[in-house]
Amino acid sequence: MPDLPKLSYVLLSHNREKYIRTAIESAFAQDYEGELEYIFSDDCSTDRTFEIIKECVAAYKGNRRVVVTQTPRNLHLAGNTNHAVQFATGDFVIRADDDDISSIDRCSIIGNALAEYPEATYIFALRKHFTDVEESECILTSRQRRDNNEPLETFDIRNNDNALDFFCKANCLHQAWATDIYRKFQPIPLDGYNVDDLISLYRAAVLGKGIFINTVVAYIRDGSTNMCRGGDDGSSGYKAIIRREVFNDNYLNITYRPLKETVEEVSAYLHNNNITAPHFEEIIKADLAKRDIEKSYWRKGTLNRLRINRALRRTSGYDFIRSLPMPIYAALLHFIKQVKSLFS
């Protein structure tokens, strides 16, 4: 069997004292037979999160390398990622969040796939959502072994957009990245904290090919104001609709500049290294142009929103309702949801 790669399990945390212990337990439960290190990086939590991390590490009886660190100030997700990966010595970084749970063979599934396909620079695998009510010991102990007879799906989105399609599917977003993406490129921009995964994908894609593993490797907790959902608590009322739209507006405006920088960065890397990938550049530039159009959606009036819908060929009744002033749109959408619930 080919040599197993060295993996760096990077768990990022901030104000998650209720869940961090379970997240760390699932990290320490990994059954990987290759070399594995743990990096727990806390982003200046103001609750007991960091103290609990230190308690868990002090009780750890294993012999794997463990790094416990804290950012010098609250740097948010991108800054915490930059801070954490400087301690990584593995070939691949496996990212984990402080309210989620990894299957105990997550690292084994990824490591064995990389042993089969060592040229890969990024990996997609499946995830499953759960709530506090659904959390049970079976999540921590379940084994999600990939069927060895099932071939790995590999791709190169420098010449094909299938991987980008995978990335955009909500059930297919738990990735691992070659550590080189943090060595060959600049640190992730601090205002890129809501697109750090997309930035990582673009960088990994220009370095090589990817793997898709049709297996659940992580359980994603819903309703816990998840970092990547802008504080969304999973509710669907009028206030929640307003909150999500405000978040989406801020998201598009805050993330445009770091994504623009990344597109320019990876395009320069392709050209400087004589890598021909016109299809990939076309895709990421088209996505950036779409974001440029959308970022003024809630910044101007209804006519502007109608023009944006037409430019992006959005013609559904929902798109028309969403072009109305935000309070009216939220009230109508909430009413429609309530009516639908009566007949469901």
C-alpha atoms as a PDB file:
ATOM      1  CA  MET A   1       0.000   0.000   0.000  1.00  0.00           C
ATOM      2  CA  PRO A   2       1.324   3.512  -0.828  1.00  0.00           C
ATOM      3  CA  ASP A   3       2.622   5.647   2.022  1.00  0.00           C
ATOM      4  CA  LEU A   4      -0.028   7.581   3.891  1.00  0.00           C
ATOM      5  CA  PRO A   5       0.418  11.375   3.846  1.00  0.00           C
ATOM      6  CA  LYS A   6       0.949  13.442   6.971  1.00  0.00           C
ATOM      7  CA  LEU A   7      -2.251  15.303   7.862  1.00  0.00           C
ATOM      8  CA  SER A   8      -2.772  18.480   9.887  1.00  0.00           C
ATOM      9  CA  TYR A   9      -6.168  18.594  11.596  1.00  0.00           C
ATOM     10  CA  VAL A  10      -6.893  22.298  12.087  1.00  0.00           C
ATOM     11  CA  LEU A  11      -9.804  23.168  14.369  1.00  0.00           C
ATOM     12  CA  LEU A  12     -10.784  26.839  14.581  1.00  0.00           C
ATOM     13  CA  SER A  13     -12.825  28.169  17.480  1.00  0.00           C
ATOM     14  CA  HIS A  14     -14.498  31.306  18.786  1.00  0.00           C
ATOM     15  CA  ASN A  15     -17.009  31.567  21.655  1.00  0.00           C
ATOM     16  CA  ARG A  16     -18.283  27.998  21.409  1.00  0.00           C
ATOM     17  CA  GLU A  17     -17.982  26.720  24.972  1.00  0.00           C
ATOM     18  CA  LYS A  18     -21.172  24.655  24.598  1.00  0.00           C
ATOM     19  CA  TYR A  19     -19.827  22.557  21.703  1.00  0.00           C
ATOM     20  CA  ILE A  20     -16.044  22.740  21.648  1.00  0.00           C
ATOM     21  CA  ARG A  21     -15.487  19.711  23.909  1.00  0.00           C
ATOM     22  CA  THR A  22     -17.465  17.432  21.581  1.00  0.00           C
ATOM     23  CA  ALA A  23     -15.630  18.824  18.544  1.00  0.00           C
ATOM     24  CA  ILE A  24     -12.255  18.074  20.161  1.00  0.00           C
ATOM     25  CA  GLU A  25     -13.361  14.603  21.266  1.00  0.00           C
ATOM     26  CA  SER A  26     -14.181  13.737  17.662  1.00  0.00           C
ATOM     27  CA  ALA A  27     -10.744  15.053  16.644  1.00  0.00           C
ATOM     28  CA  PHE A  28      -8.895  12.936  19.198  1.00  0.00           C
ATOM     29  CA  ALA A  29     -11.022   9.904  18.244  1.00  0.00           C
ATOM     30  CA  GLN A  30      -9.519   9.781  14.726  1.00  0.00           C
ATOM     31  CA  ASP A  31      -8.289   6.279  13.855  1.00  0.00           C
ATOM     32  CA  TYR A  32      -5.834   7.349  11.157  1.00  0.00           C
ATOM     33  CA  GLU A  33      -2.836   5.006  10.864  1.00  0.00           C
ATOM     34  CA  GLY A  34      -0.613   7.614   9.267  1.00  0.00           C
ATOM     35  CA  GLU A  35       1.023  10.651  10.831  1.00  0.00           C
ATOM     36  CA  LEU A  36      -1.499  13.150  12.158  1.00  0.00           C
ATOM     37  CA  GLU A  37      -1.136  16.364  14.125  1.00  0.00           C
ATOM     38  CA  TYR A  38      -3.730  18.559  15.807  1.00  0.00           C
ATOM     39  CA  ILE A  39      -3.781  22.340  15.744  1.00  0.00           C
ATOM     40  CA  PHE A  40      -6.436  23.997  17.907  1.00  0.00           C
ATOM     41  CA  SER A  41      -6.547  27.735  17.270  1.00  0.00           C
ATOM     42  CA  ASP A  42      -8.881  29.960  19.258  1.00  0.00           C
ATOM     43  CA  ASP A  43      -9.788  33.427  18.012  1.00  0.00           C
ATOM     44  CA  CYS A  44      -9.730  35.271  21.354  1.00  0.00           C
ATOM     45  CA  SER A  45     -12.930  33.782  22.748  1.00  0.00           C
ATOM     46  CA  THR A  46     -14.566  35.756  25.537  1.00  0.00           C
ATOM     47  CA  ASP A  47     -16.250  32.708  27.073  1.00  0.00           C
ATOM     48  CA  ARG A  48     -14.622  29.488  28.382  1.00  0.00           C
ATOM     49  CA  THR A  49     -13.857  28.021  24.943  1.00  0.00           C
ATOM     50  CA  PHE A  50     -10.073  28.388  25.212  1.00  0.00           C
ATOM     51  CA  GLU A  51     -10.007  27.061  28.777  1.00  0.00           C
ATOM     52  CA  ILE A  52     -11.980  23.992  27.700  1.00  0.00           C
ATOM     53  CA  ILE A  53      -9.563  23.395  24.820  1.00  0.00           C
ATOM     54  CA  LYS A  54      -6.644  23.437  27.251  1.00  0.00           C
ATOM     55  CA  GLU A  55      -8.502  21.078  29.600  1.00  0.00           C
ATOM     56  CA  CYS A  56      -9.149  18.616  26.763  1.00  0.00           C
ATOM     57  CA  VAL A  57      -5.551  18.714  25.604  1.00  0.00           C
ATOM     58  CA  ALA A  58      -4.241  18.257  29.158  1.00  0.00           C
ATOM     59  CA  ALA A  59      -6.373  15.100  29.424  1.00  0.00           C
ATOM     60  CA  TYR A  60      -5.222  13.744  26.029  1.00  0.00           C
ATOM     61  CA  LYS A  61      -3.329  10.449  26.397  1.00  0.00           C
ATOM     62  CA  GLY A  62      -2.300  10.000  22.776  1.00  0.00           C
ATOM     63  CA  ASN A  63       1.134  10.521  21.262  1.00  0.00           C
ATOM     64  CA  ARG A  64       0.274  12.767  18.347  1.00  0.00           C
ATOM     65  CA  ARG A  65       1.618  16.312  18.140  1.00  0.00           C
ATOM     66  CA  VAL A  66      -0.862  18.840  19.542  1.00  0.00           C
ATOM     67  CA  VAL A  67      -0.584  22.610  19.168  1.00  0.00           C
ATOM     68  CA  VAL A  68      -2.822  24.906  21.199  1.00  0.00           C
ATOM     69  CA  THR A  69      -2.683  28.529  20.168  1.00  0.00           C
ATOM     70  CA  GLN A  70      -4.663  31.743  20.320  1.00  0.00           C
ATOM     71  CA  THR A  71      -4.703  34.697  17.957  1.00  0.00           C
ATOM     72  CA  PRO A  72      -3.187  37.963  19.284  1.00  0.00           C
ATOM     73  CA  ARG A  73      -6.588  39.631  18.792  1.00  0.00           C
ATOM     74  CA  ASN A  74      -9.942  38.684  17.279  1.00  0.00           C
ATOM     75  CA  LEU A  75      -9.054  38.131  13.614  1.00  0.00           C
ATOM     76  CA  HIS A  76     -12.227  36.364  12.453  1.00  0.00           C
ATOM     77  CA  LEU A  77     -12.243  33.208  10.353  1.00  0.00           C
ATOM     78  CA  ALA A  78      -9.681  34.150   7.692  1.00  0.00           C
ATOM     79  CA  GLY A  79      -7.227  35.613  10.177  1.00  0.00           C
ATOM     80  CA  ASN A  80      -7.577  32.623  12.478  1.00  0.00           C
ATOM     81  CA  THR A  81      -6.942  30.319   9.514  1.00  0.00           C
ATOM     82  CA  ASN A  82      -3.768  32.228   8.628  1.00  0.00           C
ATOM     83  CA  HIS A  83      -2.657  32.068  12.244  1.00  0.00           C
ATOM     84  CA  ALA A  84      -3.348  28.333  12.608  1.00  0.00           C
ATOM     85  CA  VAL A  85      -1.754  27.063   9.399  1.00  0.00           C
ATOM     86  CA  GLN A  86       1.625  28.568  10.270  1.00  0.00           C
ATOM     87  CA  PHE A  87       1.922  25.679  12.744  1.00  0.00           C
ATOM     88  CA  ALA A  88       0.917  23.006  10.207  1.00  0.00           C
ATOM     89  CA  THR A  89       3.667  20.606   9.113  1.00  0.00           C
ATOM     90  CA  GLY A  90       1.441  18.107   7.312  1.00  0.00           C
ATOM     91  CA  ASP A  91       1.006  17.585   3.577  1.00  0.00           C
ATOM     92  CA  PHE A  92      -2.713  18.359   3.805  1.00  0.00           C
ATOM     93  CA  VAL A  93      -4.846  20.543   6.053  1.00  0.00           C
ATOM     94  CA  ILE A  94      -8.180  19.151   7.209  1.00  0.00           C
ATOM     95  CA  ARG A  95     -10.366  22.022   8.408  1.00  0.00           C
ATOM     96  CA  ALA A  96     -12.825  21.593  11.258  1.00  0.00           C
ATOM     97  CA  ASP A  97     -15.147  24.039  13.022  1.00  0.00           C
ATOM     98  CA  ASP A  98     -15.814  24.316  16.726  1.00  0.00           C
ATOM     99  CA  ASP A  99     -19.468  23.239  16.621  1.00  0.00           C
ATOM    100  CA  ASP A 100     -19.140  20.338  14.184  1.00  0.00           C
ATOM    101  CA  ILE A 101     -18.215  16.685  14.575  1.00  0.00           C
ATOM    102  CA  SER A 102     -15.924  14.543  12.423  1.00  0.00           C
ATOM    103  CA  SER A 103     -16.598  10.859  11.844  1.00  0.00           C
ATOM    104  CA  ILE A 104     -13.828   8.944  13.591  1.00  0.00           C
ATOM    105  CA  ASP A 105     -12.481   7.763  10.258  1.00  0.00           C
ATOM    106  CA  ARG A 106     -12.579  11.149   8.525  1.00  0.00           C
ATOM    107  CA  CYS A 107      -8.783  11.370   8.379  1.00  0.00           C
ATOM    108  CA  SER A 108      -8.492   7.715   7.353  1.00  0.00           C
ATOM    109  CA  ILE A 109     -10.896   8.184   4.448  1.00  0.00           C
ATOM    110  CA  ILE A 110      -9.057  11.296   3.240  1.00  0.00           C
ATOM    111  CA  GLY A 111      -5.566   9.925   3.875  1.00  0.00           C
ATOM    112  CA  ASN A 112      -6.240   6.652   2.044  1.00  0.00           C
ATOM    113  CA  ALA A 113      -7.701   8.553  -0.901  1.00  0.00           C
ATOM    114  CA  LEU A 114      -4.574  10.690  -1.068  1.00  0.00           C
ATOM    115  CA  ALA A 115      -2.391   7.590  -0.912  1.00  0.00           C
ATOM    116  CA  GLU A 116      -4.245   6.347  -3.986  1.00  0.00           C
ATOM    117  CA  TYR A 117      -3.963   9.691  -5.726  1.00  0.00           C
ATOM    118  CA  PRO A 118      -0.942  11.593  -4.316  1.00  0.00           C
ATOM    119  CA  GLU A 119      -1.062  14.252  -7.051  1.00  0.00           C
ATOM    120  CA  ALA A 120      -4.309  15.669  -5.660  1.00  0.00           C
ATOM    121  CA  THR A 121      -4.293  19.138  -4.127  1.00  0.00           C
ATOM    122  CA  TYR A 122      -7.887  19.287  -2.894  1.00  0.00           C
ATOM    123  CA  ILE A 123     -10.594  16.888  -1.763  1.00  0.00           C
ATOM    124  CA  PHE A 124     -14.367  17.108  -1.524  1.00  0.00           C
ATOM    125  CA  ALA A 125     -16.383  14.762   0.672  1.00  0.00           C
ATOM    126  CA  LEU A 126     -19.941  14.682   1.931  1.00  0.00           C
ATOM    127  CA  ARG A 127     -21.313  16.108   5.138  1.00  0.00           C
ATOM    128  CA  LYS A 128     -24.530  15.526   7.057  1.00  0.00           C
ATOM    129  CA  HIS A 129     -26.489  18.110   9.036  1.00  0.00           C
ATOM    130  CA  PHE A 130     -27.764  17.562  12.561  1.00  0.00           C
ATOM    131  CA  THR A 131     -29.239  19.549  15.446  1.00  0.00           C
ATOM    132  CA  ASP A 132     -28.615  19.573  19.174  1.00  0.00           C
ATOM    133  CA  VAL A 133     -31.651  17.334  19.644  1.00  0.00           C
ATOM    134  CA  GLU A 134     -30.278  14.793  17.172  1.00  0.00           C
ATOM    135  CA  GLU A 135     -26.787  14.697  18.632  1.00  0.00           C
ATOM    136  CA  SER A 136     -26.001  11.291  20.084  1.00  0.00           C
ATOM    137  CA  GLU A 137     -23.108   8.977  20.804  1.00  0.00           C
ATOM    138  CA  CYS A 138     -23.642   7.216  17.482  1.00  0.00           C
ATOM    139  CA  ILE A 139     -22.393  10.320  15.666  1.00  0.00           C
ATOM    140  CA  LEU A 140     -19.115  10.183  17.524  1.00  0.00           C
ATOM    141  CA  THR A 141     -18.616   6.455  17.044  1.00  0.00           C
ATOM    142  CA  SER A 142     -20.040   5.908  13.561  1.00  0.00           C
ATOM    143  CA  ARG A 143     -17.691   4.720  10.877  1.00  0.00           C
ATOM    144  CA  GLN A 144     -18.330   5.890   7.354  1.00  0.00           C
ATOM    145  CA  ARG A 145     -15.893   3.709   5.460  1.00  0.00           C
ATOM    146  CA  ARG A 146     -15.691   4.239   1.737  1.00  0.00           C
ATOM    147  CA  ASP A 147     -16.408   1.110  -0.259  1.00  0.00           C
ATOM    148  CA  ASN A 148     -12.975   0.106  -1.554  1.00  0.00           C
ATOM    149  CA  ASN A 149     -14.609  -1.153  -4.738  1.00  0.00           C
ATOM    150  CA  GLU A 150     -16.022   2.269  -5.456  1.00  0.00           C
ATOM    151  CA  PRO A 151     -13.582   4.218  -7.648  1.00  0.00           C
ATOM    152  CA  LEU A 152     -12.590   7.725  -6.635  1.00  0.00           C
ATOM    153  CA  GLU A 153     -13.865  10.507  -8.825  1.00  0.00           C
ATOM    154  CA  THR A 154     -11.081  12.835  -9.908  1.00  0.00           C
ATOM    155  CA  PHE A 155     -11.214  16.049 -11.895  1.00  0.00           C
ATOM    156  CA  ASP A 156      -9.300  19.117 -12.940  1.00  0.00           C
ATOM    157  CA  ILE A 157     -11.388  22.303 -12.903  1.00  0.00           C
ATOM    158  CA  ARG A 158      -8.697  24.155 -14.755  1.00  0.00           C
ATOM    159  CA  ASN A 159     -10.268  22.510 -17.792  1.00  0.00           C
ATOM    160  CA  ASN A 160     -13.680  21.426 -16.502  1.00  0.00           C
ATOM    161  CA  ASP A 161     -16.232  23.092 -14.224  1.00  0.00           C
ATOM    162  CA  ASN A 162     -17.584  19.926 -12.601  1.00  0.00           C
ATOM    163  CA  ALA A 163     -15.619  20.511  -9.412  1.00  0.00           C
ATOM    164  CA  LEU A 164     -16.987  24.027  -9.111  1.00  0.00           C
ATOM    165  CA  ASP A 165     -20.455  22.508  -9.430  1.00  0.00           C
ATOM    166  CA  PHE A 166     -19.586  20.111  -6.597  1.00  0.00           C
ATOM    167  CA  PHE A 167     -18.398  23.010  -4.482  1.00  0.00           C
ATOM    168  CA  CYS A 168     -21.690  24.842  -4.900  1.00  0.00           C
ATOM    169  CA  LYS A 169     -23.805  21.915  -3.682  1.00  0.00           C
ATOM    170  CA  ALA A 170     -24.752  22.372  -0.051  1.00  0.00           C
ATOM    171  CA  ASN A 171     -24.214  18.695   0.776  1.00  0.00           C
ATOM    172  CA  CYS A 172     -20.739  18.581  -0.645  1.00  0.00           C
ATOM    173  CA  LEU A 173     -18.694  21.297   0.965  1.00  0.00           C
ATOM    174  CA  HIS A 174     -16.328  19.676   3.409  1.00  0.00           C
ATOM    175  CA  GLN A 175     -12.879  19.901   1.944  1.00  0.00           C
ATOM    176  CA  ALA A 176      -9.232  19.272   2.632  1.00  0.00           C
ATOM    177  CA  TRP A 177      -6.476  21.307   1.020  1.00  0.00           C
ATOM    178  CA  ALA A 178      -2.814  20.779   0.195  1.00  0.00           C
ATOM    179  CA  THR A 179      -0.748  22.790   2.676  1.00  0.00           C
ATOM    180  CA  ASP A 180       1.019  24.341  -0.330  1.00  0.00           C
ATOM    181  CA  ILE A 181      -1.926  26.703  -0.851  1.00  0.00           C
ATOM    182  CA  TYR A 182      -0.824  28.459   2.326  1.00  0.00           C
ATOM    183  CA  ARG A 183       2.838  28.472   1.301  1.00  0.00           C
ATOM    184  CA  LYS A 184       2.735  29.517  -2.364  1.00  0.00           C
ATOM    185  CA  PHE A 185       0.173  32.300  -2.003  1.00  0.00           C
ATOM    186  CA  GLN A 186      -0.329  35.289   0.251  1.00  0.00           C
ATOM    187  CA  PRO A 187      -2.297  34.922   3.522  1.00  0.00           C
ATOM    188  CA  ILE A 188      -6.058  34.861   3.076  1.00  0.00           C
ATOM    189  CA  PRO A 189      -7.278  38.497   3.163  1.00  0.00           C
ATOM    190  CA  LEU A 190      -8.759  39.292   6.575  1.00  0.00           C
ATOM    191  CA  ASP A 191     -12.018  40.453   4.976  1.00  0.00           C
ATOM    192  CA  GLY A 192     -12.255  37.146   3.123  1.00  0.00           C
ATOM    193  CA  TYR A 193     -13.560  35.304   6.168  1.00  0.00           C
ATOM    194  CA  ASN A 194     -16.831  34.312   4.485  1.00  0.00           C
ATOM    195  CA  VAL A 195     -15.154  33.083   1.301  1.00  0.00           C
ATOM    196  CA  ASP A 196     -12.031  31.479   2.763  1.00  0.00           C
ATOM    197  CA  ASP A 197     -13.178  28.108   1.389  1.00  0.00           C
ATOM    198  CA  LEU A 198     -13.724  29.506  -2.120  1.00  0.00           C
ATOM    199  CA  ILE A 199     -10.355  31.273  -2.029  1.00  0.00           C
ATOM    200  CA  SER A 200      -8.758  27.994  -0.949  1.00  0.00           C
ATOM    201  CA  LEU A 201     -10.494  26.126  -3.782  1.00  0.00           C
ATOM    202  CA  TYR A 202      -9.265  28.571  -6.430  1.00  0.00           C
ATOM    203  CA  ARG A 203      -5.709  28.319  -5.144  1.00  0.00           C
ATOM    204  CA  ALA A 204      -5.750  24.534  -4.823  1.00  0.00           C
ATOM    205  CA  ALA A 205      -7.289  24.173  -8.273  1.00  0.00           C
ATOM    206  CA  VAL A 206      -4.431  25.954 -10.017  1.00  0.00           C
ATOM    207  CA  LEU A 207      -1.923  23.730  -8.200  1.00  0.00           C
ATOM    208  CA  GLY A 208      -3.398  20.447  -9.383  1.00  0.00           C
ATOM    209  CA  LYS A 209      -6.324  18.066  -9.516  1.00  0.00           C
ATOM    210  CA  GLY A 210      -9.048  17.178  -7.060  1.00  0.00           C
ATOM    211  CA  ILE A 211     -10.782  14.136  -5.615  1.00  0.00           C
ATOM    212  CA  PHE A 212     -14.436  13.654  -4.797  1.00  0.00           C
ATOM    213  CA  ILE A 213     -15.201  11.054  -2.101  1.00  0.00           C
ATOM    214  CA  ASN A 214     -18.859  10.043  -2.036  1.00  0.00           C
ATOM    215  CA  THR A 215     -18.800   9.468   1.730  1.00  0.00           C
ATOM    216  CA  VAL A 216     -19.902  11.427   4.807  1.00  0.00           C
ATOM    217  CA  VAL A 217     -16.888  12.576   6.809  1.00  0.00           C
ATOM    218  CA  ALA A 218     -18.350  15.368   8.951  1.00  0.00           C
ATOM    219  CA  TYR A 219     -21.527  16.292  10.776  1.00  0.00           C
ATOM    220  CA  ILE A 220     -22.506  19.973  10.576  1.00  0.00           C
ATOM    221  CA  ARG A 221     -24.501  21.388  13.462  1.00  0.00           C
ATOM    222  CA  ASP A 222     -27.513  23.496  12.486  1.00  0.00           C
ATOM    223  CA  GLY A 223     -28.981  26.288  14.556  1.00  0.00           C
ATOM    224  CA  SER A 224     -25.847  27.200  16.484  1.00  0.00           C
ATOM    225  CA  THR A 225     -25.112  30.551  14.822  1.00  0.00           C
ATOM    226  CA  ASN A 226     -22.554  28.809  12.656  1.00  0.00           C
ATOM    227  CA  MET A 227     -19.542  30.924  11.677  1.00  0.00           C
ATOM    228  CA  CYS A 228     -20.044  30.349   7.958  1.00  0.00           C
ATOM    229  CA  ARG A 229     -23.740  31.300   8.080  1.00  0.00           C
ATOM    230  CA  GLY A 230     -23.354  34.793   9.437  1.00  0.00           C
ATOM    231  CA  GLY A 231     -25.014  34.096  12.751  1.00  0.00           C
ATOM    232  CA  ASP A 232     -28.053  32.427  11.167  1.00  0.00           C
ATOM    233  CA  ASP A 233     -29.850  30.452  13.863  1.00  0.00           C
ATOM    234  CA  GLY A 234     -31.922  28.392  11.427  1.00  0.00           C
ATOM    235  CA  SER A 235     -35.222  30.221  12.114  1.00  0.00           C
ATOM    236  CA  SER A 236     -37.489  31.379   9.277  1.00  0.00           C
ATOM    237  CA  GLY A 237     -39.562  34.233  10.711  1.00  0.00           C
ATOM    238  CA  TYR A 238     -39.789  37.828   9.500  1.00  0.00           C
ATOM    239  CA  LYS A 239     -36.781  38.991  11.532  1.00  0.00           C
ATOM    240  CA  ALA A 240     -34.726  36.000  10.375  1.00  0.00           C
ATOM    241  CA  ILE A 241     -35.471  36.823   6.728  1.00  0.00           C
ATOM    242  CA  ILE A 242     -34.370  40.436   7.269  1.00  0.00           C
ATOM    243  CA  ARG A 243     -31.240  39.276   9.099  1.00  0.00           C
ATOM    244  CA  ARG A 244     -30.251  36.899   6.281  1.00  0.00           C
ATOM    245  CA  GLU A 245     -30.791  39.516   3.602  1.00  0.00           C
ATOM    246  CA  VAL A 246     -28.688  42.045   5.519  1.00  0.00           C
ATOM    247  CA  PHE A 247     -26.007  39.374   5.919  1.00  0.00           C
ATOM    248  CA  ASN A 248     -26.147  38.499   2.203  1.00  0.00           C
ATOM    249  CA  ASP A 249     -25.816  42.174   1.290  1.00  0.00           C
ATOM    250  CA  ASN A 250     -22.809  42.612   3.580  1.00  0.00           C
ATOM    251  CA  TYR A 251     -21.378  39.302   2.368  1.00  0.00           C
ATOM    252  CA  LEU A 252     -21.415  40.342  -1.289  1.00  0.00           C
ATOM    253  CA  ASN A 253     -19.878  43.732  -0.535  1.00  0.00           C
ATOM    254  CA  ILE A 254     -17.278  42.586   1.973  1.00  0.00           C
ATOM    255  CA  THR A 255     -16.122  39.567  -0.033  1.00  0.00           C
ATOM    256  CA  TYR A 256     -15.903  41.151  -3.470  1.00  0.00           C
ATOM    257  CA  ARG A 257     -12.470  42.717  -2.991  1.00  0.00           C
ATOM    258  CA  PRO A 258     -10.726  39.602  -1.551  1.00  0.00           C
ATOM    259  CA  LEU A 259     -12.236  37.437  -4.298  1.00  0.00           C
ATOM    260  CA  LYS A 260     -11.138  39.943  -6.934  1.00  0.00           C
ATOM    261  CA  GLU A 261      -7.611  39.798  -5.498  1.00  0.00           C
ATOM    262  CA  THR A 262      -7.713  36.000  -5.531  1.00  0.00           C
ATOM    263  CA  VAL A 263      -8.878  35.828  -9.150  1.00  0.00           C
ATOM    264  CA  GLU A 264      -6.027  38.136 -10.139  1.00  0.00           C
ATOM    265  CA  GLU A 265      -3.602  36.123  -8.001  1.00  0.00           C
ATOM    266  CA  VAL A 266      -4.447  32.708  -9.465  1.00  0.00           C
ATOM    267  CA  SER A 267      -4.574  34.096 -13.010  1.00  0.00           C
ATOM    268  CA  ALA A 268      -1.056  35.470 -12.531  1.00  0.00           C
ATOM    269  CA  TYR A 269       0.080  32.091 -11.145  1.00  0.00           C
ATOM    270  CA  LEU A 270      -1.286  30.285 -14.208  1.00  0.00           C
ATOM    271  CA  HIS A 271       0.403  32.674 -16.615  1.00  0.00           C
ATOM    272  CA  ASN A 272       3.716  32.818 -14.741  1.00  0.00           C
ATOM    273  CA  ASN A 273       3.898  29.020 -14.656  1.00  0.00           C
ATOM    274  CA  ASN A 274       2.771  28.558 -18.280  1.00  0.00           C
ATOM    275  CA  ILE A 275      -0.375  26.636 -17.253  1.00  0.00           C
ATOM    276  CA  THR A 276      -3.112  26.830 -19.866  1.00  0.00           C
ATOM    277  CA  ALA A 277      -6.538  26.978 -18.228  1.00  0.00           C
ATOM    278  CA  PRO A 278      -8.773  29.366 -20.194  1.00  0.00           C
ATOM    279  CA  HIS A 279     -11.955  27.594 -19.097  1.00  0.00           C
ATOM    280  CA  PHE A 280     -11.114  27.941 -15.417  1.00  0.00           C
ATOM    281  CA  GLU A 281     -10.239  31.612 -15.742  1.00  0.00           C
ATOM    282  CA  GLU A 282     -13.465  32.183 -17.658  1.00  0.00           C
ATOM    283  CA  ILE A 283     -15.497  30.565 -14.858  1.00  0.00           C
ATOM    284  CA  ILE A 284     -13.960  32.475 -11.955  1.00  0.00           C
ATOM    285  CA  LYS A 285     -14.043  35.791 -13.834  1.00  0.00           C
ATOM    286  CA  ALA A 286     -17.710  35.230 -14.756  1.00  0.00           C
ATOM    287  CA  ASP A 287     -18.518  34.449 -11.113  1.00  0.00           C
ATOM    288  CA  LEU A 288     -16.709  37.619 -10.036  1.00  0.00           C
ATOM    289  CA  ALA A 289     -18.618  39.695 -12.617  1.00  0.00           C
ATOM    290  CA  LYS A 290     -21.909  38.273 -11.292  1.00  0.00           C
ATOM    291  CA  ARG A 291     -20.937  39.196  -7.744  1.00  0.00           C
ATOM    292  CA  ASP A 292     -20.046  42.709  -8.926  1.00  0.00           C
ATOM    293  CA  ILE A 293     -23.559  43.106 -10.330  1.00  0.00           C
ATOM    294  CA  GLU A 294     -25.247  41.634  -7.261  1.00  0.00           C
ATOM    295  CA  LYS A 295     -23.408  43.624  -4.600  1.00  0.00           C
ATOM    296  CA  SER A 296     -25.575  46.705  -5.228  1.00  0.00           C
ATOM    297  CA  TYR A 297     -28.823  44.687  -4.930  1.00  0.00           C
ATOM    298  CA  TRP A 298     -30.001  46.109  -1.593  1.00  0.00           C
ATOM    299  CA  ARG A 299     -27.942  49.291  -1.883  1.00  0.00           C
ATOM    300  CA  LYS A 300     -30.358  50.865  -4.382  1.00  0.00           C
ATOM    301  CA  GLY A 301     -34.078  50.824  -5.150  1.00  0.00           C
ATOM    302  CA  THR A 302     -36.586  48.423  -6.655  1.00  0.00           C
ATOM    303  CA  LEU A 303     -35.804  49.431 -10.238  1.00  0.00           C
ATOM    304  CA  ASN A 304     -32.158  48.544  -9.685  1.00  0.00           C
ATOM    305  CA  ARG A 305     -33.160  45.136  -8.317  1.00  0.00           C
ATOM    306  CA  LEU A 306     -35.416  44.525 -11.317  1.00  0.00           C
ATOM    307  CA  ARG A 307     -32.523  45.424 -13.650  1.00  0.00           C
ATOM    308  CA  ILE A 308     -30.228  43.019 -11.799  1.00  0.00           C
ATOM    309  CA  ASN A 309     -32.819  40.244 -12.027  1.00  0.00           C
ATOM    310  CA  ARG A 310     -33.109  40.834 -15.758  1.00  0.00           C
ATOM    311  CA  ALA A 311     -29.341  40.923 -16.216  1.00  0.00           C
ATOM    312  CA  LEU A 312     -29.004  37.620 -14.336  1.00  0.00           C
ATOM    313  CA  ARG A 313     -32.090  36.145 -16.062  1.00  0.00           C
ATOM    314  CA  ARG A 314     -34.065  35.731 -12.872  1.00  0.00           C
ATOM    315  CA  THR A 315     -37.718  35.592 -13.830  1.00  0.00           C
ATOM    316  CA  SER A 316     -39.529  33.672 -11.071  1.00  0.00           C
ATOM    317  CA  GLY A 317     -42.280  35.066  -8.878  1.00  0.00           C
ATOM    318  CA  TYR A 318     -39.911  34.847  -5.912  1.00  0.00           C
ATOM    319  CA  ASP A 319     -37.389  37.039  -7.728  1.00  0.00           C
ATOM    320  CA  PHE A 320     -40.089  39.656  -8.344  1.00  0.00           C
ATOM    321  CA  ILE A 321     -41.117  39.658  -4.669  1.00  0.00           C
ATOM    322  CA  ARG A 322     -37.486  39.957  -3.597  1.00  0.00           C
ATOM    323  CA  SER A 323     -37.113  43.076  -5.763  1.00  0.00           C
ATOM    324  CA  LEU A 324     -39.582  44.920  -3.508  1.00  0.00           C
ATOM    325  CA  PRO A 325     -38.356  46.955  -0.512  1.00  0.00           C
ATOM    326  CA  MET A 326     -36.847  44.597   2.053  1.00  0.00           C
ATOM    327  CA  PRO A 327     -39.547  44.950   4.769  1.00  0.00           C
ATOM    328  CA  ILE A 328     -42.338  44.276   2.232  1.00  0.00           C
ATOM    329  CA  TYR A 329     -40.435  41.339   0.716  1.00  0.00           C
ATOM    330  CA  ALA A 330     -39.771  39.821   4.165  1.00  0.00           C
ATOM    331  CA  ALA A 331     -43.401  40.227   5.227  1.00  0.00           C
ATOM    332  CA  LEU A 332     -44.717  38.642   2.016  1.00  0.00           C
ATOM    333  CA  LEU A 333     -42.243  35.773   2.137  1.00  0.00           C
ATOM    334  CA  HIS A 334     -43.044  35.100   5.797  1.00  0.00           C
ATOM    335  CA  PHE A 335     -46.780  35.117   4.986  1.00  0.00           C
ATOM    336  CA  ILE A 336     -46.299  32.705   2.055  1.00  0.00           C
ATOM    337  CA  LYS A 337     -44.295  30.344   4.268  1.00  0.00           C
ATOM    338  CA  GLN A 338     -46.995  30.401   6.910  1.00  0.00           C
ATOM    339  CA  VAL A 339     -49.706  29.634   4.358  1.00  0.00           C
ATOM    340  CA  LYS A 340     -47.682  26.770   2.934  1.00  0.00           C
ATOM    341  CA  SER A 341     -47.154  25.346   6.409  1.00  0.00           C
ATOM    342  CA  LEU A 342     -50.921  25.146   6.902  1.00  0.00           C
ATOM    343  CA  PHE A 343     -51.254  22.832   3.918  1.00  0.00           C
ATOM    344  CA  SER A 344     -48.143  20.744   4.432  1.00  0.00           C
END
